[in-house]
């Protein structure tokens, strides 16, 4: 089953390394986040699309403003 949801994150929120069981596609509606996978870091800003295969371990750090996302998974 595919689930679509809007999720908001508070400024400067940090999420420790974790993984989701399903592949996810995330549209950053506003704000920003830095995602770390292994040693690689990517920054996603408003209108960025982030795609992660299921079980990808990653950590997230959100920017100075609240971040709104639309998540499909």
Foldseek 3Di string as FASTA:
>chain_A
DKDKDKDKDAAFDKFAKDFAQAKKKKAWQAFKKWKDQPNDIDIDGHRDIDIDGGPGIIIMTTHRGMIMMIMMD
